[in-house]
Amino acid sequence: MKCRLTYLLFLLMLLSACSAEDTDSTPDRESQDVAVNAALTRATAESVSDATTLTGPQFIFWTATHFDADPQSLATPFIAQVPSGTIDDYNSTRYNTFERYPDNNELVYATGFWPAPVTSGTGLTFTSANDYTSFDIPEEWVGKKDILVANGVITGNEAHPFTTSTPLEFIHAQAQLIIYAKLADDMSKFVKHITLEFTNASRPELLVWNKLAGRYVVQGGKTTSRLVTDYGQTLANQLSKDRTQFVDNIFIVPTTSTSVTANIKFWMADTAEGLNVESDLIKKESGDITISFVDADSNPINLNAGDSYTLTLEFGVNTINLYGRLKAWEDGGYVAVPIKIATS
């Protein structure tokens, strides 16, 4: 009898150990979360409002079968979803795709961009129907709208799911130029209607997947049109000597050179009233001039994705002085967007 009880106790202990082992090897549903941080930095109040008026982010997941192929086969993702609401809604809210990981612990690669493409209205659109490798940027957005992209991919599978310790962080896909203008101290004339026509700064016209970069990048090349800024034509926009005035904020394709070329056009008159009288106006332009990018130590630099460069134009009677500096992209912040892929 004593031997039988000992045997039963041994079986119970064995079963208990097996049960505990099974529980420990099962992934916690909460461990399926991935924190996606979107760097929602903006340069102007107008673009800040984009975060609440545009679509949410586009989340994309590819399997290793397609991502690791040579060439990559990424037109159709394993999962492609757009959360409802806006990107700001996912500061700490968990987003569940309600999709399971693939079998056999196949790796899943996660990435994304913001804003998501649209099927109607103005926004990013598929270059080819439902092909997630390339998107057209609408003409109304070229140089004017911020676009965010995941800075690379993260991987997970059923055995090692996405976690908040390996966030998918969003960065700015473009570089930006912030342009200001002022009158020189000895300037006796009046100036307004400042326009810069960039002859070799690429217009952001496409958002495409770049295998080498491991993320989406902006590209130009669809058209030969120039990037153009325009200060406006109202009397209120004339320059004054007592302060530096904002001209425009413009987004460009990140540069591989340390300079851009631009033609600066403006109106000049002897009096403020003369700026509104055609016969009194002197319409001037600089011709193509080189605008060099330098750091704080005057070393030449190129503008990478997420770089912001401030350019100040100082107008004299016969000269335009240029002052520039690399600066932090202002009004920054992070929005954490956790994603959960269910395992069962």
Protein backbone atom coordinates (compact mmCIF):
# COMPACT_ATOMS: atom_id res chain seq x y z
CA MET A 1 0.00 0.00 0.00
CA LYS A 2 2.83 2.36 0.90
CA CYS A 3 4.56 1.66 -2.44
CA ARG A 4 1.33 2.40 -4.33
CA LEU A 5 0.94 5.79 -2.58
CA THR A 6 4.56 6.66 -3.29
CA TYR A 7 4.06 5.80 -6.98
CA LEU A 8 0.91 7.96 -7.19
CA LEU A 9 2.69 10.90 -5.55
CA PHE A 10 5.53 10.55 -8.05
CA LEU A 11 3.06 10.63 -10.98
CA LEU A 12 1.35 13.73 -9.60
CA MET A 13 4.68 15.52 -9.20
CA LEU A 14 5.68 14.56 -12.75
CA LEU A 15 2.39 15.78 -14.22
CA SER A 16 2.67 19.03 -12.26
CA ALA A 17 6.18 19.61 -13.55
CA CYS A 18 5.10 18.98 -17.14
CA SER A 19 2.17 21.36 -16.76
CA ALA A 20 4.44 24.12 -15.42
CA GLU A 21 6.91 23.54 -18.23
CA ASP A 22 4.16 23.81 -20.87
CA THR A 23 2.91 27.04 -19.33
CA ASP A 24 6.36 28.60 -19.27
CA SER A 25 6.99 27.80 -22.95
CA THR A 26 3.76 29.39 -24.17
CA PRO A 27 4.28 33.01 -25.31
CA ASP A 28 2.43 35.57 -23.23
CA ARG A 29 -0.20 37.34 -25.34
CA GLU A 30 1.06 40.66 -23.98
CA SER A 31 4.53 39.81 -25.26
CA GLN A 32 3.22 40.08 -28.81
CA ASP A 33 3.28 43.89 -28.61
CA VAL A 34 5.67 46.06 -30.58
CA ALA A 35 6.04 49.73 -29.67
CA VAL A 36 6.17 51.88 -32.79
CA ASN A 37 7.54 55.36 -32.13
CA ALA A 38 6.59 58.02 -34.67
CA ALA A 39 8.75 61.15 -34.57
CA LEU A 40 5.97 63.66 -35.11
CA THR A 41 8.15 66.73 -35.55
CA ARG A 42 6.79 69.61 -37.58
CA ALA A 43 8.17 72.90 -38.82
CA THR A 44 5.03 75.04 -38.99
CA ALA A 45 1.66 75.19 -37.32
CA GLU A 46 0.02 74.22 -40.60
CA SER A 47 1.89 70.95 -40.79
CA VAL A 48 1.33 70.19 -37.12
CA SER A 49 -2.39 69.97 -37.89
CA ASP A 50 -1.65 67.20 -40.37
CA ALA A 51 -1.34 64.77 -37.49
CA THR A 52 -5.03 65.18 -36.72
CA THR A 53 -6.43 65.64 -40.23
CA LEU A 54 -4.61 62.93 -42.20
CA THR A 55 -4.93 59.15 -42.03
CA GLY A 56 -3.17 57.02 -39.49
CA PRO A 57 0.08 55.19 -40.16
CA GLN A 58 0.41 52.33 -42.64
CA PHE A 59 1.77 49.23 -40.89
CA ILE A 60 3.33 46.59 -43.12
CA PHE A 61 4.53 43.07 -42.29
CA TRP A 62 6.42 40.82 -44.69
CA THR A 63 7.39 37.18 -44.17
CA ALA A 64 10.97 36.00 -44.56
CA THR A 65 9.93 34.06 -47.65
CA HIS A 66 9.37 37.32 -49.49
CA PHE A 67 11.70 39.68 -47.62
CA ASP A 68 14.80 37.48 -47.84
CA ALA A 69 14.21 36.53 -51.47
CA ASP A 70 16.66 37.77 -54.10
CA PRO A 71 15.22 39.86 -55.55
CA GLN A 72 12.82 40.79 -52.78
CA SER A 73 9.15 40.09 -53.49
CA LEU A 74 7.40 42.76 -51.48
CA ALA A 75 4.47 43.88 -53.62
CA THR A 76 1.99 41.95 -51.45
CA PRO A 77 2.69 42.00 -47.67
CA PHE A 78 1.80 39.29 -45.19
CA ILE A 79 -0.19 41.94 -43.28
CA ALA A 80 -0.95 45.52 -44.33
CA GLN A 81 -3.26 47.49 -42.06
CA VAL A 82 -4.17 51.09 -41.33
CA PRO A 83 -5.43 51.77 -37.80
CA SER A 84 -8.55 53.86 -37.52
CA GLY A 85 -8.18 57.42 -36.34
CA THR A 86 -4.93 59.33 -36.58
CA ILE A 87 -1.35 58.55 -35.65
CA ASP A 88 -1.73 60.60 -32.46
CA ASP A 89 -4.41 58.18 -31.28
CA TYR A 90 -1.78 55.49 -30.78
CA ASN A 91 0.37 57.19 -28.20
CA SER A 92 -0.09 54.29 -25.80
CA THR A 93 -3.09 52.43 -27.22
CA ARG A 94 -2.40 48.85 -28.27
CA TYR A 95 -3.16 48.04 -31.85
CA ASN A 96 -3.99 44.40 -32.55
CA THR A 97 -3.79 43.11 -36.11
CA PHE A 98 -5.79 40.00 -35.10
CA GLU A 99 -3.50 38.03 -37.39
CA ARG A 100 -1.42 35.06 -36.32
CA TYR A 101 2.26 34.57 -36.91
CA PRO A 102 3.06 32.17 -39.76
CA ASP A 103 3.78 28.52 -38.98
CA ASN A 104 7.21 27.01 -38.37
CA ASN A 105 8.42 30.17 -36.58
CA GLU A 106 8.99 31.95 -39.88
CA LEU A 107 10.29 35.47 -39.28
CA VAL A 108 8.03 38.46 -39.86
CA TYR A 109 9.57 41.83 -40.85
CA ALA A 110 7.67 44.92 -39.67
CA THR A 111 7.90 48.44 -41.09
CA GLY A 112 5.61 51.29 -42.10
CA PHE A 113 5.13 54.95 -42.97
CA TRP A 114 2.83 57.89 -42.33
CA PRO A 115 0.38 58.98 -43.61
CA ALA A 116 -1.22 55.88 -45.09
CA PRO A 117 -2.22 55.92 -48.78
CA VAL A 118 -5.71 57.01 -49.80
CA THR A 119 -8.17 55.65 -52.34
CA SER A 120 -9.85 59.02 -52.86
CA GLY A 121 -8.97 62.65 -52.24
CA THR A 122 -5.46 64.03 -51.91
CA GLY A 123 -2.74 61.85 -50.44
CA LEU A 124 -0.23 59.12 -51.17
CA THR A 125 -1.45 56.69 -53.83
CA PHE A 126 -0.16 53.36 -55.12
CA THR A 127 2.13 53.80 -58.12
CA SER A 128 0.86 50.40 -59.28
CA ALA A 129 -2.40 49.02 -57.91
CA ASN A 130 -1.90 47.51 -54.44
CA ASP A 131 1.88 47.29 -54.86
CA TYR A 132 3.44 48.29 -51.54
CA THR A 133 6.88 49.03 -52.98
CA SER A 134 6.09 52.46 -54.45
CA PHE A 135 3.69 55.33 -53.81
CA ASP A 136 3.10 58.60 -55.67
CA ILE A 137 3.27 61.85 -53.71
CA PRO A 138 0.55 64.25 -54.96
CA GLU A 139 1.65 67.47 -56.62
CA GLU A 140 -0.13 69.48 -53.92
CA TRP A 141 2.21 67.92 -51.32
CA VAL A 142 5.51 68.28 -53.15
CA GLY A 143 7.81 70.33 -50.93
CA LYS A 144 4.97 71.11 -48.53
CA LYS A 145 4.05 68.00 -46.53
CA ASP A 146 5.99 66.00 -43.98
CA ILE A 147 6.24 62.23 -44.47
CA LEU A 148 7.42 59.81 -41.79
CA VAL A 149 8.94 56.37 -42.36
CA ALA A 150 10.00 53.56 -40.06
CA ASN A 151 13.75 53.75 -39.68
CA GLY A 152 14.42 50.16 -40.76
CA VAL A 153 12.61 46.93 -39.94
CA ILE A 154 12.23 44.82 -36.85
CA THR A 155 11.70 41.07 -36.80
CA GLY A 156 9.65 38.66 -34.74
CA ASN A 157 8.06 35.24 -34.89
CA GLU A 158 5.83 33.08 -32.74
CA ALA A 159 8.71 31.94 -30.56
CA HIS A 160 10.23 35.40 -30.27
CA PRO A 161 7.39 37.89 -30.82
CA PHE A 162 7.64 41.64 -31.16
CA THR A 163 8.14 43.40 -27.83
CA THR A 164 8.20 46.97 -26.61
CA SER A 165 11.94 46.66 -26.00
CA THR A 166 12.53 46.58 -29.78
CA PRO A 167 10.54 49.58 -30.99
CA LEU A 168 9.86 50.47 -34.57
CA GLU A 169 10.81 54.14 -34.65
CA PHE A 170 9.58 56.56 -37.29
CA ILE A 171 11.80 59.31 -38.73
CA HIS A 172 11.32 62.12 -41.24
CA ALA A 173 11.77 60.85 -44.79
CA GLN A 174 12.77 64.26 -46.13
CA ALA A 175 15.21 67.03 -45.33
CA GLN A 176 13.82 70.51 -44.85
CA LEU A 177 14.92 74.05 -45.57
CA ILE A 178 13.51 76.81 -43.35
CA ILE A 179 13.93 80.14 -45.09
CA TYR A 180 13.92 83.59 -43.50
CA ALA A 181 14.63 87.05 -44.94
CA LYS A 182 15.50 90.52 -43.67
CA LEU A 183 16.76 93.87 -44.93
CA ALA A 184 20.39 94.88 -44.45
CA ASP A 185 20.93 97.78 -42.05
CA ASP A 186 21.95 100.11 -44.89
CA MET A 187 19.13 99.00 -47.22
CA SER A 188 17.09 102.07 -48.26
CA LYS A 189 14.59 100.31 -50.53
CA PHE A 190 11.58 98.08 -49.85
CA VAL A 191 11.33 94.38 -50.75
CA LYS A 192 8.60 91.76 -50.94
CA HIS A 193 7.33 88.84 -53.05
CA ILE A 194 10.43 86.69 -52.52
CA THR A 195 10.55 83.50 -54.56
CA LEU A 196 13.27 80.85 -54.62
CA GLU A 197 13.47 78.50 -57.59
CA PHE A 198 15.74 75.55 -56.82
CA THR A 199 17.41 74.22 -59.95
CA ASN A 200 18.99 71.06 -58.53
CA ALA A 201 17.13 70.27 -55.31
CA SER A 202 15.12 67.14 -56.01
CA ARG A 203 11.36 67.37 -55.64
CA PRO A 204 9.92 64.65 -53.36
CA GLU A 205 7.62 62.91 -55.84
CA LEU A 206 7.76 59.22 -54.87
CA LEU A 207 7.89 57.17 -51.68
CA VAL A 208 9.61 53.88 -52.51
CA TRP A 209 11.01 50.88 -50.67
CA ASN A 210 14.81 50.92 -50.71
CA LYS A 211 16.44 47.56 -49.97
CA LEU A 212 19.87 49.05 -49.26
CA ALA A 213 18.50 51.57 -46.76
CA GLY A 214 16.11 49.00 -45.32
CA ARG A 215 13.25 51.52 -45.28
CA TYR A 216 11.05 53.67 -47.44
CA VAL A 217 12.75 56.73 -48.96
CA VAL A 218 11.54 59.73 -50.95
CA GLN A 219 12.74 60.18 -54.52
CA GLY A 220 12.39 62.67 -57.34
CA GLY A 221 12.68 62.21 -61.06
CA LYS A 222 9.05 61.96 -62.16
CA THR A 223 9.08 65.50 -63.55
CA THR A 224 11.62 68.17 -64.48
CA SER A 225 9.73 70.87 -62.58
CA ARG A 226 11.63 73.02 -60.10
CA LEU A 227 10.92 73.32 -56.41
CA VAL A 228 9.56 76.82 -55.86
CA THR A 229 8.83 78.86 -52.75
CA ASP A 230 6.68 81.96 -52.75
CA TYR A 231 6.49 84.57 -50.02
CA GLY A 232 3.29 86.11 -51.34
CA GLN A 233 2.26 89.41 -52.85
CA THR A 234 0.44 91.32 -50.11
CA LEU A 235 1.76 94.61 -48.73
CA ALA A 236 1.81 93.06 -45.26
CA ASN A 237 4.51 90.67 -46.43
CA GLN A 238 7.07 93.32 -47.23
CA LEU A 239 10.37 93.00 -45.39
CA SER A 240 11.31 95.28 -42.56
CA LYS A 241 14.65 96.18 -40.97
CA ASP A 242 13.61 95.58 -37.41
CA ARG A 243 13.04 91.84 -37.62
CA THR A 244 13.81 88.66 -39.53
CA GLN A 245 10.71 87.36 -41.25
CA PHE A 246 9.67 83.82 -42.13
CA VAL A 247 9.55 83.12 -45.87
CA ASP A 248 8.79 79.44 -46.30
CA ASN A 249 9.45 75.93 -45.11
CA ILE A 250 10.19 73.46 -47.90
CA PHE A 251 10.83 69.72 -47.89
CA ILE A 252 13.41 68.26 -50.26
CA VAL A 253 14.83 64.86 -51.15
CA PRO A 254 17.88 64.30 -48.88
CA THR A 255 20.99 65.52 -50.68
CA THR A 256 24.09 63.65 -51.76
CA SER A 257 25.88 66.95 -52.40
CA THR A 258 26.83 69.74 -50.03
CA SER A 259 24.93 72.47 -51.83
CA VAL A 260 21.91 73.36 -53.95
CA THR A 261 21.48 75.95 -56.66
CA ALA A 262 18.68 78.49 -56.58
CA ASN A 263 17.49 81.59 -58.38
CA ILE A 264 16.17 84.19 -55.93
CA LYS A 265 13.52 86.51 -57.37
CA PHE A 266 12.00 89.49 -55.56
CA TRP A 267 10.27 92.82 -56.01
CA MET A 268 11.94 96.07 -54.93
CA ALA A 269 10.68 99.67 -54.81
CA ASP A 270 11.77 103.04 -53.43
CA THR A 271 8.64 103.25 -51.22
CA ALA A 272 6.35 100.76 -49.53
CA GLU A 273 3.44 101.99 -51.66
CA GLY A 274 5.53 101.51 -54.77
CA LEU A 275 5.49 97.74 -54.19
CA ASN A 276 1.87 97.82 -55.34
CA VAL A 277 2.41 100.03 -58.39
CA GLU A 278 3.63 98.19 -61.46
CA SER A 279 5.48 101.21 -62.87
CA ASP A 280 7.37 101.72 -59.60
CA LEU A 281 8.43 98.09 -59.20
CA ILE A 282 11.91 96.81 -59.86
CA LYS A 283 11.70 93.07 -60.41
CA LYS A 284 15.08 91.57 -59.66
CA GLU A 285 16.63 88.13 -59.53
CA SER A 286 19.97 86.74 -58.46
CA GLY A 287 20.40 84.24 -61.24
CA ASP A 288 21.48 80.73 -60.25
CA ILE A 289 23.60 80.95 -57.13
CA THR A 290 25.08 78.18 -54.99
CA ILE A 291 23.73 77.70 -51.48
CA SER A 292 26.25 75.65 -49.52
CA PHE A 293 25.38 73.60 -46.45
CA VAL A 294 27.82 73.80 -43.54
CA ASP A 295 27.86 72.75 -39.90
CA ALA A 296 28.62 74.95 -36.91
CA ASP A 297 32.33 74.75 -37.71
CA SER A 298 31.75 75.71 -41.37
CA ASN A 299 32.49 72.18 -42.59
CA PRO A 300 30.56 71.15 -45.73
CA ILE A 301 27.70 68.74 -45.06
CA ASN A 302 24.92 67.08 -47.00
CA LEU A 303 21.33 67.03 -45.74
CA ASN A 304 20.17 63.61 -44.61
CA ALA A 305 16.64 62.46 -43.94
CA GLY A 306 15.46 64.32 -40.84
CA ASP A 307 18.00 67.14 -41.17
CA SER A 308 16.74 70.71 -40.96
CA TYR A 309 18.69 73.66 -42.35
CA THR A 310 17.88 77.31 -41.68
CA LEU A 311 18.72 79.77 -44.45
CA THR A 312 18.51 83.53 -43.92
CA LEU A 313 18.56 85.94 -46.88
CA GLU A 314 19.75 89.48 -46.15
CA PHE A 315 18.77 91.91 -48.89
CA GLY A 316 20.95 94.89 -49.75
CA VAL A 317 20.60 97.24 -52.72
CA ASN A 318 22.94 95.24 -54.92
CA THR A 319 23.68 92.10 -52.91
CA ILE A 320 21.97 89.24 -51.12
CA ASN A 321 23.92 87.81 -48.20
CA LEU A 322 23.22 84.20 -47.26
CA TYR A 323 23.50 82.79 -43.74
CA GLY A 324 22.77 79.16 -42.96
CA ARG A 325 23.02 76.67 -40.14
CA LEU A 326 22.05 73.10 -39.41
CA LYS A 327 19.53 72.90 -36.60
CA ALA A 328 17.36 70.42 -34.77
CA TRP A 329 13.99 69.63 -36.31
CA GLU A 330 11.74 71.67 -34.04
CA ASP A 331 8.56 70.82 -32.14
CA GLY A 332 9.66 67.22 -31.74
CA GLY A 333 8.09 64.38 -29.87
CA TYR A 334 7.51 60.65 -29.94
CA VAL A 335 4.25 58.78 -30.17
CA ALA A 336 4.42 55.13 -29.11
CA VAL A 337 2.20 52.87 -31.18
CA PRO A 338 2.20 49.31 -29.79
CA ILE A 339 1.17 46.56 -32.22
CA LYS A 340 0.04 43.10 -31.16
CA ILE A 341 0.06 40.02 -33.37
CA ALA A 342 -2.03 37.23 -31.87
CA THR A 343 -0.55 33.75 -31.63
CA SER A 344 -3.82 31.95 -31.07
